[in-house]
Amino acid sequence: MKRRTFLAAGALGVAALAAGGWLRYGVRLAPPGRALDDDARVTVAALVPAFLDGALPVHAPLRDSAIIETVGAVDAAILGLPPIAQHELAQLFGLLGFPPARMALGMRTAWSDASTVEVQAALQRWQGSRSLLLRSAYDGLHQLILAAWYANPRAWPDIGYPGPPALS
């Protein structure tokens, strides 16, 4: 086999694997009434402590329940977005859930096993990337997660927000 043929076959194989992975992971449907499938929920659960470092409760049980609440609030927020935005976020989470794509984006560890420090390092690379796509992904995830957390009454005392005024 000639070198050129070998390289072309290799490139074709990589393209076929990428297309298969995209079909498998890029267009997943969440259960009815939810925007996030189980893999996307795991991804968001890894992102929450990275984005909210210092804002979440320190005590482990309270921290864990705050993360779960925030993941649920992100899910609810996505359901409130226009269908095109929901589809784009589903594609993003599909890409983040596809191991080769996740690794190419700087996350070598599975989301379920990643430390907060590892996730923060990847997010910093996305935030400072020359790629508009990565910066947009960072900005969108950042806005969703912060909005979900600060909409939670549990976060209000720490920021001095007394809550919405009572209507009589």
C-alpha atoms as a PDB file:
ATOM      1  CA  MET A   1       0.000   0.000   0.000  1.00  0.00           C
ATOM      2  CA  LYS A   2       1.301   3.411  -0.901  1.00  0.00           C
ATOM      3  CA  ARG A   3       1.710   6.070   1.727  1.00  0.00           C
ATOM      4  CA  ARG A   4      -0.868   8.324   0.088  1.00  0.00           C
ATOM      5  CA  THR A   5      -3.457   5.520   0.032  1.00  0.00           C
ATOM      6  CA  PHE A   6      -2.721   4.711   3.673  1.00  0.00           C
ATOM      7  CA  LEU A   7      -3.178   8.349   4.717  1.00  0.00           C
ATOM      8  CA  ALA A   8      -6.398   8.690   2.704  1.00  0.00           C
ATOM      9  CA  ALA A   9      -7.812   5.501   4.250  1.00  0.00           C
ATOM     10  CA  GLY A  10      -6.870   6.748   7.709  1.00  0.00           C
ATOM     11  CA  ALA A  11      -8.539  10.121   7.112  1.00  0.00           C
ATOM     12  CA  LEU A  12     -11.657   8.409   5.782  1.00  0.00           C
ATOM     13  CA  GLY A  13     -11.728   6.147   8.857  1.00  0.00           C
ATOM     14  CA  VAL A  14     -11.441   9.111  11.212  1.00  0.00           C
ATOM     15  CA  ALA A  15     -14.226  10.918   9.353  1.00  0.00           C
ATOM     16  CA  ALA A  16     -16.456   7.828   9.546  1.00  0.00           C
ATOM     17  CA  LEU A  17     -15.828   7.460  13.288  1.00  0.00           C
ATOM     18  CA  ALA A  18     -16.513  11.139  13.879  1.00  0.00           C
ATOM     19  CA  ALA A  19     -19.749  10.994  11.871  1.00  0.00           C
ATOM     20  CA  GLY A  20     -20.866   7.872  13.725  1.00  0.00           C
ATOM     21  CA  GLY A  21     -20.081   9.469  17.056  1.00  0.00           C
ATOM     22  CA  TRP A  22     -21.913  12.627  16.100  1.00  0.00           C
ATOM     23  CA  LEU A  23     -24.975  10.643  15.058  1.00  0.00           C
ATOM     24  CA  ARG A  24     -24.866   8.700  18.299  1.00  0.00           C
ATOM     25  CA  TYR A  25     -24.029  11.512  20.695  1.00  0.00           C
ATOM     26  CA  GLY A  26     -24.863  14.703  18.824  1.00  0.00           C
ATOM     27  CA  VAL A  27     -28.594  14.240  18.500  1.00  0.00           C
ATOM     28  CA  ARG A  28     -29.823  12.693  21.734  1.00  0.00           C
ATOM     29  CA  LEU A  29     -33.274  13.227  23.038  1.00  0.00           C
ATOM     30  CA  ALA A  30     -33.961  13.965  26.671  1.00  0.00           C
ATOM     31  CA  PRO A  31     -36.851  12.258  28.453  1.00  0.00           C
ATOM     32  CA  PRO A  32     -40.234  13.996  28.173  1.00  0.00           C
ATOM     33  CA  GLY A  33     -40.444  17.115  30.314  1.00  0.00           C
ATOM     34  CA  ARG A  34     -36.672  17.513  30.499  1.00  0.00           C
ATOM     35  CA  ALA A  35     -34.139  19.269  28.301  1.00  0.00           C
ATOM     36  CA  LEU A  36     -31.100  17.361  29.571  1.00  0.00           C
ATOM     37  CA  ASP A  37     -30.522  13.659  29.100  1.00  0.00           C
ATOM     38  CA  ASP A  38     -28.636  11.744  31.805  1.00  0.00           C
ATOM     39  CA  ASP A  39     -25.198  12.350  30.255  1.00  0.00           C
ATOM     40  CA  ALA A  40     -25.870  16.082  29.941  1.00  0.00           C
ATOM     41  CA  ARG A  41     -26.977  16.184  33.590  1.00  0.00           C
ATOM     42  CA  VAL A  42     -23.634  14.628  34.589  1.00  0.00           C
ATOM     43  CA  THR A  43     -21.819  17.253  32.506  1.00  0.00           C
ATOM     44  CA  VAL A  44     -23.754  20.126  34.086  1.00  0.00           C
ATOM     45  CA  ALA A  45     -23.165  18.633  37.550  1.00  0.00           C
ATOM     46  CA  ALA A  46     -19.413  18.796  36.849  1.00  0.00           C
ATOM     47  CA  LEU A  47     -19.652  22.354  35.506  1.00  0.00           C
ATOM     48  CA  VAL A  48     -21.687  23.772  38.411  1.00  0.00           C
ATOM     49  CA  PRO A  49     -18.946  23.609  41.088  1.00  0.00           C
ATOM     50  CA  ALA A  50     -16.390  24.931  38.597  1.00  0.00           C
ATOM     51  CA  PHE A  51     -18.471  27.983  37.718  1.00  0.00           C
ATOM     52  CA  LEU A  52     -19.780  28.515  41.260  1.00  0.00           C
ATOM     53  CA  ASP A  53     -16.566  27.934  43.177  1.00  0.00           C
ATOM     54  CA  GLY A  54     -16.871  29.852  46.433  1.00  0.00           C
ATOM     55  CA  ALA A  55     -20.616  30.431  46.048  1.00  0.00           C
ATOM     56  CA  LEU A  56     -21.833  26.922  46.875  1.00  0.00           C
ATOM     57  CA  PRO A  57     -22.221  25.724  50.459  1.00  0.00           C
ATOM     58  CA  VAL A  58     -19.056  24.215  51.925  1.00  0.00           C
ATOM     59  CA  HIS A  59     -20.754  21.432  53.914  1.00  0.00           C
ATOM     60  CA  ALA A  60     -20.853  18.360  51.615  1.00  0.00           C
ATOM     61  CA  PRO A  61     -24.545  17.367  51.941  1.00  0.00           C
ATOM     62  CA  LEU A  62     -25.693  20.971  51.434  1.00  0.00           C
ATOM     63  CA  ARG A  63     -23.245  21.380  48.548  1.00  0.00           C
ATOM     64  CA  ASP A  64     -24.457  18.195  46.864  1.00  0.00           C
ATOM     65  CA  SER A  65     -28.112  19.205  47.153  1.00  0.00           C
ATOM     66  CA  ALA A  66     -27.282  22.699  45.840  1.00  0.00           C
ATOM     67  CA  ILE A  67     -25.588  21.147  42.802  1.00  0.00           C
ATOM     68  CA  ILE A  68     -28.582  18.882  42.165  1.00  0.00           C
ATOM     69  CA  GLU A  69     -30.972  21.845  42.489  1.00  0.00           C
ATOM     70  CA  THR A  70     -28.858  23.910  40.103  1.00  0.00           C
ATOM     71  CA  VAL A  71     -28.761  21.107  37.519  1.00  0.00           C
ATOM     72  CA  GLY A  72     -32.552  20.921  37.732  1.00  0.00           C
ATOM     73  CA  ALA A  73     -32.832  24.702  37.360  1.00  0.00           C
ATOM     74  CA  VAL A  74     -30.534  24.627  34.287  1.00  0.00           C
ATOM     75  CA  ASP A  75     -32.772  21.927  32.823  1.00  0.00           C
ATOM     76  CA  ALA A  76     -35.874  24.045  33.484  1.00  0.00           C
ATOM     77  CA  ALA A  77     -34.194  27.151  32.037  1.00  0.00           C
ATOM     78  CA  ILE A  78     -33.304  25.317  28.826  1.00  0.00           C
ATOM     79  CA  LEU A  79     -36.924  24.152  28.494  1.00  0.00           C
ATOM     80  CA  GLY A  80     -37.926  27.823  28.523  1.00  0.00           C
ATOM     81  CA  LEU A  81     -35.645  28.712  25.616  1.00  0.00           C
ATOM     82  CA  PRO A  82     -36.742  28.797  21.971  1.00  0.00           C
ATOM     83  CA  PRO A  83     -36.561  25.404  20.202  1.00  0.00           C
ATOM     84  CA  ILE A  84     -33.506  26.413  18.128  1.00  0.00           C
ATOM     85  CA  ALA A  85     -31.551  27.321  21.282  1.00  0.00           C
ATOM     86  CA  GLN A  86     -32.648  24.057  22.912  1.00  0.00           C
ATOM     87  CA  HIS A  87     -31.404  22.133  19.874  1.00  0.00           C
ATOM     88  CA  GLU A  88     -28.073  23.978  19.867  1.00  0.00           C
ATOM     89  CA  LEU A  89     -27.559  23.238  23.557  1.00  0.00           C
ATOM     90  CA  ALA A  90     -28.474  19.586  22.968  1.00  0.00           C
ATOM     91  CA  GLN A  91     -25.789  19.495  20.271  1.00  0.00           C
ATOM     92  CA  LEU A  92     -23.278  21.117  22.631  1.00  0.00           C
ATOM     93  CA  PHE A  93     -24.010  18.598  25.385  1.00  0.00           C
ATOM     94  CA  GLY A  94     -23.861  15.783  22.833  1.00  0.00           C
ATOM     95  CA  LEU A  95     -20.439  16.994  21.764  1.00  0.00           C
ATOM     96  CA  LEU A  96     -19.267  17.357  25.368  1.00  0.00           C
ATOM     97  CA  GLY A  97     -20.500  13.828  26.068  1.00  0.00           C
ATOM     98  CA  PHE A  98     -18.614  12.298  23.122  1.00  0.00           C
ATOM     99  CA  PRO A  99     -15.246  11.216  24.586  1.00  0.00           C
ATOM    100  CA  PRO A 100     -13.010  12.093  21.587  1.00  0.00           C
ATOM    101  CA  ALA A 101     -14.621  15.532  21.278  1.00  0.00           C
ATOM    102  CA  ARG A 102     -14.440  16.100  25.040  1.00  0.00           C
ATOM    103  CA  MET A 103     -10.740  15.231  24.973  1.00  0.00           C
ATOM    104  CA  ALA A 104     -10.129  17.476  21.979  1.00  0.00           C
ATOM    105  CA  LEU A 105     -11.761  20.302  23.942  1.00  0.00           C
ATOM    106  CA  GLY A 106      -9.313  19.868  26.789  1.00  0.00           C
ATOM    107  CA  MET A 107     -11.192  17.533  29.160  1.00  0.00           C
ATOM    108  CA  ARG A 108      -9.155  14.339  29.364  1.00  0.00           C
ATOM    109  CA  THR A 109     -11.182  12.987  32.285  1.00  0.00           C
ATOM    110  CA  ALA A 110     -14.808  11.870  32.072  1.00  0.00           C
ATOM    111  CA  TRP A 111     -17.152  14.508  33.471  1.00  0.00           C
ATOM    112  CA  SER A 112     -18.266  12.150  36.238  1.00  0.00           C
ATOM    113  CA  ASP A 113     -14.655  11.678  37.410  1.00  0.00           C
ATOM    114  CA  ALA A 114     -13.303  15.192  36.815  1.00  0.00           C
ATOM    115  CA  SER A 115     -12.180  17.358  39.689  1.00  0.00           C
ATOM    116  CA  THR A 116     -13.318  20.949  39.982  1.00  0.00           C
ATOM    117  CA  VAL A 117      -9.754  22.061  39.233  1.00  0.00           C
ATOM    118  CA  GLU A 118      -9.682  20.032  35.977  1.00  0.00           C
ATOM    119  CA  VAL A 119     -13.027  21.441  34.859  1.00  0.00           C
ATOM    120  CA  GLN A 120     -11.965  25.000  35.726  1.00  0.00           C
ATOM    121  CA  ALA A 121      -8.766  24.589  33.700  1.00  0.00           C
ATOM    122  CA  ALA A 122     -10.749  23.449  30.661  1.00  0.00           C
ATOM    123  CA  LEU A 123     -13.224  26.306  31.100  1.00  0.00           C
ATOM    124  CA  GLN A 124     -10.390  28.834  31.293  1.00  0.00           C
ATOM    125  CA  ARG A 125      -9.041  27.512  27.994  1.00  0.00           C
ATOM    126  CA  TRP A 126     -12.490  27.863  26.424  1.00  0.00           C
ATOM    127  CA  GLN A 127     -12.936  31.365  27.804  1.00  0.00           C
ATOM    128  CA  GLY A 128      -9.606  32.538  26.400  1.00  0.00           C
ATOM    129  CA  SER A 129      -9.754  30.551  23.177  1.00  0.00           C
ATOM    130  CA  ARG A 130      -9.352  32.118  19.756  1.00  0.00           C
ATOM    131  CA  SER A 131     -12.294  29.968  18.665  1.00  0.00           C
ATOM    132  CA  LEU A 132     -15.569  31.875  18.741  1.00  0.00           C
ATOM    133  CA  LEU A 133     -17.368  28.553  19.130  1.00  0.00           C
ATOM    134  CA  LEU A 134     -15.516  27.696  22.353  1.00  0.00           C
ATOM    135  CA  ARG A 135     -15.950  31.190  23.779  1.00  0.00           C
ATOM    136  CA  SER A 136     -19.667  31.065  22.933  1.00  0.00           C
ATOM    137  CA  ALA A 137     -20.005  27.662  24.594  1.00  0.00           C
ATOM    138  CA  TYR A 138     -18.268  29.017  27.692  1.00  0.00           C
ATOM    139  CA  ASP A 139     -20.455  32.145  27.783  1.00  0.00           C
ATOM    140  CA  GLY A 140     -23.697  30.224  27.289  1.00  0.00           C
ATOM    141  CA  LEU A 141     -22.922  27.642  29.951  1.00  0.00           C
ATOM    142  CA  HIS A 142     -21.683  30.345  32.331  1.00  0.00           C
ATOM    143  CA  GLN A 143     -24.874  32.382  31.944  1.00  0.00           C
ATOM    144  CA  LEU A 144     -27.160  29.350  32.314  1.00  0.00           C
ATOM    145  CA  ILE A 145     -25.458  28.052  35.437  1.00  0.00           C
ATOM    146  CA  LEU A 146     -25.102  31.401  37.189  1.00  0.00           C
ATOM    147  CA  ALA A 147     -28.699  32.351  36.419  1.00  0.00           C
ATOM    148  CA  ALA A 148     -29.912  28.975  37.687  1.00  0.00           C
ATOM    149  CA  TRP A 149     -27.962  29.325  40.945  1.00  0.00           C
ATOM    150  CA  TYR A 150     -28.813  32.945  41.707  1.00  0.00           C
ATOM    151  CA  ALA A 151     -32.492  32.347  40.962  1.00  0.00           C
ATOM    152  CA  ASN A 152     -32.443  29.866  43.851  1.00  0.00           C
ATOM    153  CA  PRO A 153     -33.614  31.404  47.159  1.00  0.00           C
ATOM    154  CA  ARG A 154     -30.817  29.455  48.862  1.00  0.00           C
ATOM    155  CA  ALA A 155     -28.264  31.784  47.208  1.00  0.00           C
ATOM    156  CA  TRP A 156     -29.995  35.049  48.104  1.00  0.00           C
ATOM    157  CA  PRO A 157     -28.735  35.572  51.698  1.00  0.00           C
ATOM    158  CA  ASP A 158     -25.098  35.304  50.572  1.00  0.00           C
ATOM    159  CA  ILE A 159     -25.569  38.161  48.105  1.00  0.00           C
ATOM    160  CA  GLY A 160     -27.751  40.281  50.355  1.00  0.00           C
ATOM    161  CA  TYR A 161     -30.881  39.894  48.249  1.00  0.00           C
ATOM    162  CA  PRO A 162     -33.972  39.893  50.473  1.00  0.00           C
ATOM    163  CA  GLY A 163     -36.106  38.249  47.814  1.00  0.00           C
ATOM    164  CA  PRO A 164     -38.834  39.655  45.647  1.00  0.00           C
ATOM    165  CA  PRO A 165     -41.165  42.195  47.217  1.00  0.00           C
ATOM    166  CA  ALA A 166     -44.408  40.840  48.592  1.00  0.00           C
ATOM    167  CA  LEU A 167     -47.433  41.796  46.523  1.00  0.00           C
ATOM    168  CA  SER A 168     -50.557  42.606  48.467  1.00  0.00           C
END
